[in-house]
Amino acid sequence: MTDRTARDTGGSAAKAAGGADGSEVLRDQIERTRGELGDTVAELLQKADVKGRAMARAADLRDKAGAMTVHLRDSAAQAGHAMQDRATRTGHTVQDRATQAGHTVHDKATEAGHTVERGVPRPVRRVVQAGLRHPRRVLVAGAAVGALVAAGTLRRRHSGRH
């Protein structure tokens, strides 16, 4: 028996039972049918609302894109911090090695200076030590010697002697 047949039969039974009770059953059936019809119409309108569905889909996609952007920014920031840490560690390593090399060179130069100083005759050693104590005087003396050498070279060229 179909829904319609049951309603028709229910309506006949209500008529047969009496007028007041039958009209009440009929009103209930009408209300139920109106509710079902309203639900069906709402479903059809929702399916027919292409613009609304497209807007909802666009909003979902915007939300997903925003979340992906945040995720990518976080990943990029983490990668940047990792690279910065690695560069800092590398810089410290290079700096430590350069400092160590500088100390080694300084130590070897000092050792070579002491070796040369011990091998130089005593009078020359005193002049070198004085020059180390007073470097300005050594520079002035060196400039004077350089000027004398240049003057001698120019005089020789001018007179024709090479």
Protein backbone atom coordinates (compact mmCIF):
# COMPACT_ATOMS: atom_id res chain seq x y z
CA MET A 1 0.00 0.00 0.00
CA THR A 2 1.45 3.40 -1.02
CA ASP A 3 1.55 6.56 1.05
CA ARG A 4 -1.19 8.08 -1.01
CA THR A 5 -3.40 5.03 -0.69
CA ALA A 6 -2.87 5.03 3.07
CA ARG A 7 -3.79 8.71 3.24
CA ASP A 8 -6.82 8.18 1.10
CA THR A 9 -7.85 5.21 3.19
CA GLY A 10 -7.14 7.15 6.38
CA GLY A 11 -9.27 10.00 5.11
CA SER A 12 -12.15 7.62 4.28
CA ALA A 13 -11.85 5.98 7.65
CA ALA A 14 -11.89 9.38 9.31
CA LYS A 15 -15.03 10.35 7.38
CA ALA A 16 -16.67 7.10 8.30
CA ALA A 17 -15.76 7.50 11.96
CA GLY A 18 -17.21 10.92 12.28
CA GLY A 19 -16.85 14.51 11.07
CA ALA A 20 -14.89 16.16 13.89
CA ASP A 21 -12.20 13.48 14.30
CA GLY A 22 -11.83 13.06 10.56
CA SER A 23 -11.16 16.74 9.97
CA GLU A 24 -8.48 16.69 12.65
CA VAL A 25 -6.71 13.77 10.95
CA LEU A 26 -7.01 15.56 7.62
CA ARG A 27 -5.44 18.73 9.06
CA ASP A 28 -2.51 16.69 10.46
CA GLN A 29 -1.96 15.10 7.08
CA ILE A 30 -2.05 18.50 5.37
CA GLU A 31 0.47 19.91 7.86
CA ARG A 32 2.78 16.93 7.41
CA THR A 33 2.52 17.24 3.62
CA ARG A 34 3.23 20.98 3.77
CA GLY A 35 6.33 20.34 5.92
CA GLU A 36 7.60 17.69 3.52
CA LEU A 37 6.90 19.96 0.57
CA GLY A 38 8.75 22.85 2.30
CA ASP A 39 11.78 20.59 2.94
CA THR A 40 11.76 19.44 -0.69
CA VAL A 41 11.52 23.02 -1.97
CA ALA A 42 14.41 24.10 0.34
CA GLU A 43 16.57 21.23 -0.95
CA LEU A 44 15.78 22.14 -4.54
CA LEU A 45 16.55 25.82 -3.92
CA GLN A 46 19.83 24.92 -2.29
CA LYS A 47 20.80 22.74 -5.25
CA ALA A 48 19.74 25.47 -7.67
CA ASP A 49 21.77 28.17 -5.81
CA VAL A 50 24.93 27.82 -7.94
CA LYS A 51 26.21 31.27 -6.94
CA GLY A 52 25.83 30.52 -3.23
CA ARG A 53 27.57 27.17 -3.56
CA ALA A 54 30.38 28.78 -5.59
CA MET A 55 30.81 31.47 -2.94
CA ALA A 56 30.93 28.85 -0.18
CA ARG A 57 33.52 26.86 -2.15
CA ALA A 58 35.56 30.02 -2.74
CA ALA A 59 35.48 30.79 0.99
CA ASP A 60 36.72 27.24 1.73
CA LEU A 61 39.53 27.64 -0.78
CA ARG A 62 40.50 31.04 0.69
CA ASP A 63 40.66 29.49 4.15
CA LYS A 64 42.84 26.64 2.87
CA ALA A 65 45.11 29.08 1.01
CA GLY A 66 45.46 31.22 4.14
CA ALA A 67 46.38 28.18 6.22
CA MET A 68 48.92 27.10 3.59
CA THR A 69 50.43 30.61 3.54
CA VAL A 70 50.86 30.56 7.32
CA HIS A 71 52.41 27.10 7.12
CA LEU A 72 54.84 28.18 4.36
CA ARG A 73 55.84 31.32 6.27
CA ASP A 74 56.53 29.26 9.38
CA SER A 75 58.58 26.77 7.37
CA ALA A 76 60.57 29.56 5.71
CA ALA A 77 61.24 31.23 9.07
CA GLN A 78 62.44 27.94 10.56
CA ALA A 79 64.72 27.32 7.58
CA GLY A 80 66.10 30.86 7.86
CA HIS A 81 66.84 30.42 11.55
CA ALA A 82 68.54 27.09 10.88
CA MET A 83 70.73 28.64 8.18
CA GLN A 84 71.57 31.60 10.39
CA ASP A 85 72.59 29.26 13.22
CA ARG A 86 74.72 27.20 10.82
CA ALA A 87 76.38 30.35 9.44
CA THR A 88 77.07 31.62 12.95
CA ARG A 89 78.67 28.31 13.93
CA THR A 90 80.75 28.32 10.73
CA GLY A 91 81.80 31.92 11.36
CA HIS A 92 82.91 31.05 14.87
CA THR A 93 84.87 28.08 13.57
CA VAL A 94 86.61 30.23 10.94
CA GLN A 95 87.31 32.94 13.49
CA ASP A 96 88.77 30.41 15.93
CA ARG A 97 91.00 28.93 13.23
CA ALA A 98 92.17 32.38 12.10
CA THR A 99 92.98 33.35 15.67
CA GLN A 100 94.88 30.12 16.15
CA ALA A 101 96.80 30.68 12.88
CA GLY A 102 97.58 34.26 13.94
CA HIS A 103 98.99 33.04 17.25
CA THR A 104 101.06 30.41 15.44
CA VAL A 105 102.49 32.98 13.02
CA HIS A 106 103.20 35.40 15.87
CA ASP A 107 104.97 32.68 17.87
CA LYS A 108 107.07 31.62 14.86
CA ALA A 109 107.96 35.24 14.01
CA THR A 110 108.98 35.87 17.60
CA GLU A 111 111.08 32.71 17.60
CA ALA A 112 112.70 33.70 14.27
CA GLY A 113 113.40 37.18 15.62
CA HIS A 114 115.13 35.73 18.68
CA THR A 115 117.13 33.36 16.45
CA VAL A 116 118.27 36.25 14.21
CA GLU A 117 118.97 38.43 17.24
CA ARG A 118 121.21 35.76 18.76
CA GLY A 119 123.07 35.26 15.44
CA VAL A 120 123.78 38.98 14.84
CA PRO A 121 127.02 40.47 16.25
CA ARG A 122 126.59 42.35 19.53
CA PRO A 123 127.08 45.91 18.15
CA VAL A 124 124.50 45.36 15.39
CA ARG A 125 122.15 43.74 17.92
CA ARG A 126 122.25 46.93 20.03
CA VAL A 127 121.34 49.06 16.99
CA VAL A 128 118.42 46.73 16.11
CA GLN A 129 117.14 46.81 19.69
CA ALA A 130 117.37 50.61 19.73
CA GLY A 131 115.47 50.69 16.43
CA LEU A 132 112.74 48.51 17.92
CA ARG A 133 112.45 50.85 20.90
CA HIS A 134 112.37 53.99 18.68
CA PRO A 135 110.80 53.07 15.30
CA ARG A 136 110.29 56.72 14.23
CA ARG A 137 114.03 57.37 14.26
CA VAL A 138 114.58 54.25 12.15
CA LEU A 139 112.03 55.48 9.59
CA VAL A 140 113.67 58.93 9.41
CA ALA A 141 117.10 57.37 9.01
CA GLY A 142 115.79 55.00 6.33
CA ALA A 143 114.25 57.91 4.43
CA ALA A 144 117.53 59.83 4.59
CA VAL A 145 119.50 56.84 3.31
CA GLY A 146 116.95 56.36 0.53
CA ALA A 147 117.27 60.02 -0.48
CA LEU A 148 121.09 59.73 -0.61
CA VAL A 149 120.88 56.59 -2.76
CA ALA A 150 118.41 58.27 -5.13
CA ALA A 151 120.61 61.38 -5.38
CA GLY A 152 123.67 59.26 -6.17
CA THR A 153 121.79 57.33 -8.84
CA LEU A 154 120.56 60.53 -10.48
CA ARG A 155 124.04 62.06 -10.40
CA ARG A 156 125.50 58.96 -12.08
CA ARG A 157 122.87 59.02 -14.83
CA HIS A 158 123.37 62.73 -15.42
CA SER A 159 127.11 62.41 -15.79
CA GLY A 160 126.68 59.47 -18.16
CA ARG A 161 127.96 56.67 -15.90
CA HIS A 162 125.68 53.68 -15.48
